[in-house]
Every structure is written in C-alpha cells, then in structure tokens.
C-alpha cells in the first residue's frame, strides 16, 4: 500500500510487526531513488549488535516529536480496529441468524453453530 500513499504524506506510523528494512526503504524512497520527506515510524531499540544503518532511525524514534506521533496512533488507529472487530462480530452473528432462518432452524440456535466451529 506504500505505493498508493499521497506524495505529501510525511509520516507512516506502524507497530513493530512492520520493522522490515525493505518496507522502510520502500516507504522512505521515491521511485526515482531520491529520498523523500516521508518517514516510517516504528518502535525501535538499540542493542549490542544493532546494524549501524539502523541507528538514525532509532534516534529518530527516540525523539520527542516521534514519540508524540507514535502515541497518536493509540488514539486514532487502534480504536478504529476495535470498532471494525465489533462490527465484524455483529455481521457474523447476523449471518448465522440468516443461516438458521434459511435452513428452517430456530433463530436463537446460533450458539450451537459457533460451538461446532
């Protein structure tokens, strides 16, 4: 999805699961191989054997501005995932009721289907 980001996107904030050198390079480089102003913000720590190429990203993540941006993720992105999961659960519940109706079963027997899965 990095290819579809608007050119004016300055920051991409993600969790540690996206800590991948190829993704970082793709996010922070434009197609003409010139550096962009876009930064991939990931939680990073410095360890004994940390590659020197990661040190600027670690310093950037530890900066006050970057920490503030990363904290925004918790109040903007994560609640949206919670809402999507809740809506998905309601949708699945309604599909199970519809399944029972179509098959002539009691509508309230959703629990039996879920237990069988």
C-alpha atoms as a PDB file:
ATOM      1  CA  UNK A   1       0.000   0.000   0.000  1.00  0.00           C
ATOM      2  CA  UNK A   2       3.034   2.258   0.269  1.00  0.00           C
ATOM      3  CA  UNK A   3       2.865   2.829  -3.486  1.00  0.00           C
ATOM      4  CA  UNK A   4      -0.567   4.426  -3.100  1.00  0.00           C
ATOM      5  CA  UNK A   5       0.352   6.973  -0.429  1.00  0.00           C
ATOM      6  CA  UNK A   6      -0.004  10.580  -1.414  1.00  0.00           C
ATOM      7  CA  UNK A   7       3.316  12.294  -2.118  1.00  0.00           C
ATOM      8  CA  UNK A   8       2.637  14.785   0.670  1.00  0.00           C
ATOM      9  CA  UNK A   9       2.390  12.042   3.316  1.00  0.00           C
ATOM     10  CA  UNK A  10       5.109  12.860   5.849  1.00  0.00           C
ATOM     11  CA  UNK A  11       4.848  10.016   8.338  1.00  0.00           C
ATOM     12  CA  UNK A  12       3.752   6.389   8.278  1.00  0.00           C
ATOM     13  CA  UNK A  13       3.255   5.112  11.826  1.00  0.00           C
ATOM     14  CA  UNK A  14       3.213   1.360  12.404  1.00  0.00           C
ATOM     15  CA  UNK A  15       3.850  -1.152  15.164  1.00  0.00           C
ATOM     16  CA  UNK A  16       6.944  -3.299  15.489  1.00  0.00           C
ATOM     17  CA  UNK A  17       5.469  -6.004  13.253  1.00  0.00           C
ATOM     18  CA  UNK A  18       6.315  -3.788  10.277  1.00  0.00           C
ATOM     19  CA  UNK A  19      10.002  -3.472  11.192  1.00  0.00           C
ATOM     20  CA  UNK A  20      11.440  -4.580   7.881  1.00  0.00           C
ATOM     21  CA  UNK A  21      14.336  -2.988   6.035  1.00  0.00           C
ATOM     22  CA  UNK A  22      12.692  -3.441   2.633  1.00  0.00           C
ATOM     23  CA  UNK A  23       9.494  -1.788   3.825  1.00  0.00           C
ATOM     24  CA  UNK A  24      11.448   1.075   5.364  1.00  0.00           C
ATOM     25  CA  UNK A  25      13.391   1.579   2.159  1.00  0.00           C
ATOM     26  CA  UNK A  26      10.247   1.440   0.046  1.00  0.00           C
ATOM     27  CA  UNK A  27       8.462   3.893   2.328  1.00  0.00           C
ATOM     28  CA  UNK A  28      11.322   6.360   2.599  1.00  0.00           C
ATOM     29  CA  UNK A  29      12.480   6.269  -1.025  1.00  0.00           C
ATOM     30  CA  UNK A  30      10.607   7.588  -4.015  1.00  0.00           C
ATOM     31  CA  UNK A  31      10.550   5.748  -7.313  1.00  0.00           C
ATOM     32  CA  UNK A  32      13.394   7.865  -8.697  1.00  0.00           C
ATOM     33  CA  UNK A  33      15.558   6.730  -5.726  1.00  0.00           C
ATOM     34  CA  UNK A  34      15.736  10.206  -4.213  1.00  0.00           C
ATOM     35  CA  UNK A  35      14.961  10.440  -0.535  1.00  0.00           C
ATOM     36  CA  UNK A  36      11.572  11.791   0.268  1.00  0.00           C
ATOM     37  CA  UNK A  37      10.463  13.653   3.331  1.00  0.00           C
ATOM     38  CA  UNK A  38       8.349  10.658   4.364  1.00  0.00           C
ATOM     39  CA  UNK A  39       9.464   8.696   7.430  1.00  0.00           C
ATOM     40  CA  UNK A  40       8.384   5.290   8.664  1.00  0.00           C
ATOM     41  CA  UNK A  41       7.900   5.489  12.405  1.00  0.00           C
ATOM     42  CA  UNK A  42       8.386   2.193  14.226  1.00  0.00           C
ATOM     43  CA  UNK A  43       9.271   1.291  17.788  1.00  0.00           C
ATOM     44  CA  UNK A  44      12.989   0.507  17.719  1.00  0.00           C
ATOM     45  CA  UNK A  45      15.598  -0.206  20.343  1.00  0.00           C
ATOM     46  CA  UNK A  46      19.372  -0.177  20.175  1.00  0.00           C
ATOM     47  CA  UNK A  47      21.032  -3.464  21.058  1.00  0.00           C
ATOM     48  CA  UNK A  48      24.615  -4.634  21.262  1.00  0.00           C
ATOM     49  CA  UNK A  49      24.654  -5.887  17.663  1.00  0.00           C
ATOM     50  CA  UNK A  50      22.377  -3.279  16.081  1.00  0.00           C
ATOM     51  CA  UNK A  51      23.357  -2.518  12.493  1.00  0.00           C
ATOM     52  CA  UNK A  52      24.844   0.971  12.089  1.00  0.00           C
ATOM     53  CA  UNK A  53      22.353   1.688   9.301  1.00  0.00           C
ATOM     54  CA  UNK A  54      19.501   1.463  11.861  1.00  0.00           C
ATOM     55  CA  UNK A  55      20.956   3.983  14.290  1.00  0.00           C
ATOM     56  CA  UNK A  56      19.485   7.109  12.608  1.00  0.00           C
ATOM     57  CA  UNK A  57      16.025   5.505  12.652  1.00  0.00           C
ATOM     58  CA  UNK A  58      16.427   4.594  16.322  1.00  0.00           C
ATOM     59  CA  UNK A  59      17.476   8.153  17.175  1.00  0.00           C
ATOM     60  CA  UNK A  60      14.511   9.446  15.212  1.00  0.00           C
ATOM     61  CA  UNK A  61      12.118   7.120  17.058  1.00  0.00           C
ATOM     62  CA  UNK A  62      13.507   8.217  20.419  1.00  0.00           C
ATOM     63  CA  UNK A  63      12.970  11.917  19.638  1.00  0.00           C
ATOM     64  CA  UNK A  64      10.198  13.743  21.454  1.00  0.00           C
ATOM     65  CA  UNK A  65       8.371  14.570  18.214  1.00  0.00           C
ATOM     66  CA  UNK A  66       8.399  10.977  17.040  1.00  0.00           C
ATOM     67  CA  UNK A  67       7.217   9.682  20.395  1.00  0.00           C
ATOM     68  CA  UNK A  68       4.330  12.156  20.256  1.00  0.00           C
ATOM     69  CA  UNK A  69       3.405  10.971  16.746  1.00  0.00           C
ATOM     70  CA  UNK A  70       3.595   7.325  17.797  1.00  0.00           C
ATOM     71  CA  UNK A  71       1.330   7.973  20.805  1.00  0.00           C
ATOM     72  CA  UNK A  72      -1.280   9.453  18.437  1.00  0.00           C
ATOM     73  CA  UNK A  73      -1.584   6.025  16.840  1.00  0.00           C
ATOM     74  CA  UNK A  74      -3.089   4.658  20.039  1.00  0.00           C
ATOM     75  CA  UNK A  75      -5.937   7.164  19.972  1.00  0.00           C
ATOM     76  CA  UNK A  76      -6.520   7.278  16.216  1.00  0.00           C
ATOM     77  CA  UNK A  77      -5.746   3.865  14.698  1.00  0.00           C
ATOM     78  CA  UNK A  78      -6.298   1.324  17.457  1.00  0.00           C
ATOM     79  CA  UNK A  79      -9.862   2.433  18.327  1.00  0.00           C
ATOM     80  CA  UNK A  80     -10.773   2.065  14.654  1.00  0.00           C
ATOM     81  CA  UNK A  81      -9.605  -1.567  14.711  1.00  0.00           C
ATOM     82  CA  UNK A  82     -11.757  -2.153  17.801  1.00  0.00           C
ATOM     83  CA  UNK A  83     -14.790  -0.739  16.006  1.00  0.00           C
ATOM     84  CA  UNK A  84     -14.135  -2.873  12.921  1.00  0.00           C
ATOM     85  CA  UNK A  85     -13.828  -6.024  15.023  1.00  0.00           C
ATOM     86  CA  UNK A  86     -17.077  -5.233  16.813  1.00  0.00           C
ATOM     87  CA  UNK A  87     -18.883  -4.596  13.526  1.00  0.00           C
ATOM     88  CA  UNK A  88     -17.476  -7.808  12.073  1.00  0.00           C
ATOM     89  CA  UNK A  89     -18.726  -9.781  15.086  1.00  0.00           C
ATOM     90  CA  UNK A  90     -22.227  -8.304  14.695  1.00  0.00           C
ATOM     91  CA  UNK A  91     -22.172  -9.083  10.963  1.00  0.00           C
ATOM     92  CA  UNK A  92     -21.179 -12.710  11.568  1.00  0.00           C
ATOM     93  CA  UNK A  93     -23.895 -13.047  14.209  1.00  0.00           C
ATOM     94  CA  UNK A  94     -26.481 -11.754  11.735  1.00  0.00           C
ATOM     95  CA  UNK A  95     -25.213 -14.163   9.069  1.00  0.00           C
ATOM     96  CA  UNK A  96     -25.663 -17.058  11.493  1.00  0.00           C
ATOM     97  CA  UNK A  97     -29.229 -15.981  12.223  1.00  0.00           C
ATOM     98  CA  UNK A  98     -29.884 -15.785   8.477  1.00  0.00           C
ATOM     99  CA  UNK A  99     -28.325 -19.246   8.044  1.00  0.00           C
ATOM    100  CA  UNK A 100     -30.686 -20.645  10.676  1.00  0.00           C
ATOM    101  CA  UNK A 101     -33.685 -18.957   9.037  1.00  0.00           C
ATOM    102  CA  UNK A 102     -32.836 -20.267   5.549  1.00  0.00           C
ATOM    103  CA  UNK A 103     -32.343 -23.808   6.877  1.00  0.00           C
ATOM    104  CA  UNK A 104     -35.535 -23.799   8.959  1.00  0.00           C
ATOM    105  CA  UNK A 105     -33.736 -23.916  12.287  1.00  0.00           C
ATOM    106  CA  UNK A 106     -34.634 -21.920  15.399  1.00  0.00           C
ATOM    107  CA  UNK A 107     -33.100 -18.472  15.020  1.00  0.00           C
ATOM    108  CA  UNK A 108     -31.705 -18.500  18.541  1.00  0.00           C
ATOM    109  CA  UNK A 109     -29.541 -21.576  17.932  1.00  0.00           C
ATOM    110  CA  UNK A 110     -26.516 -19.526  16.951  1.00  0.00           C
ATOM    111  CA  UNK A 111     -24.516 -20.894  19.873  1.00  0.00           C
ATOM    112  CA  UNK A 112     -24.761 -24.436  18.504  1.00  0.00           C
ATOM    113  CA  UNK A 113     -23.188 -23.331  15.224  1.00  0.00           C
ATOM    114  CA  UNK A 114     -20.403 -21.439  16.964  1.00  0.00           C
ATOM    115  CA  UNK A 115     -19.670 -24.401  19.259  1.00  0.00           C
ATOM    116  CA  UNK A 116     -19.447 -26.646  16.194  1.00  0.00           C
ATOM    117  CA  UNK A 117     -16.807 -24.477  14.569  1.00  0.00           C
END
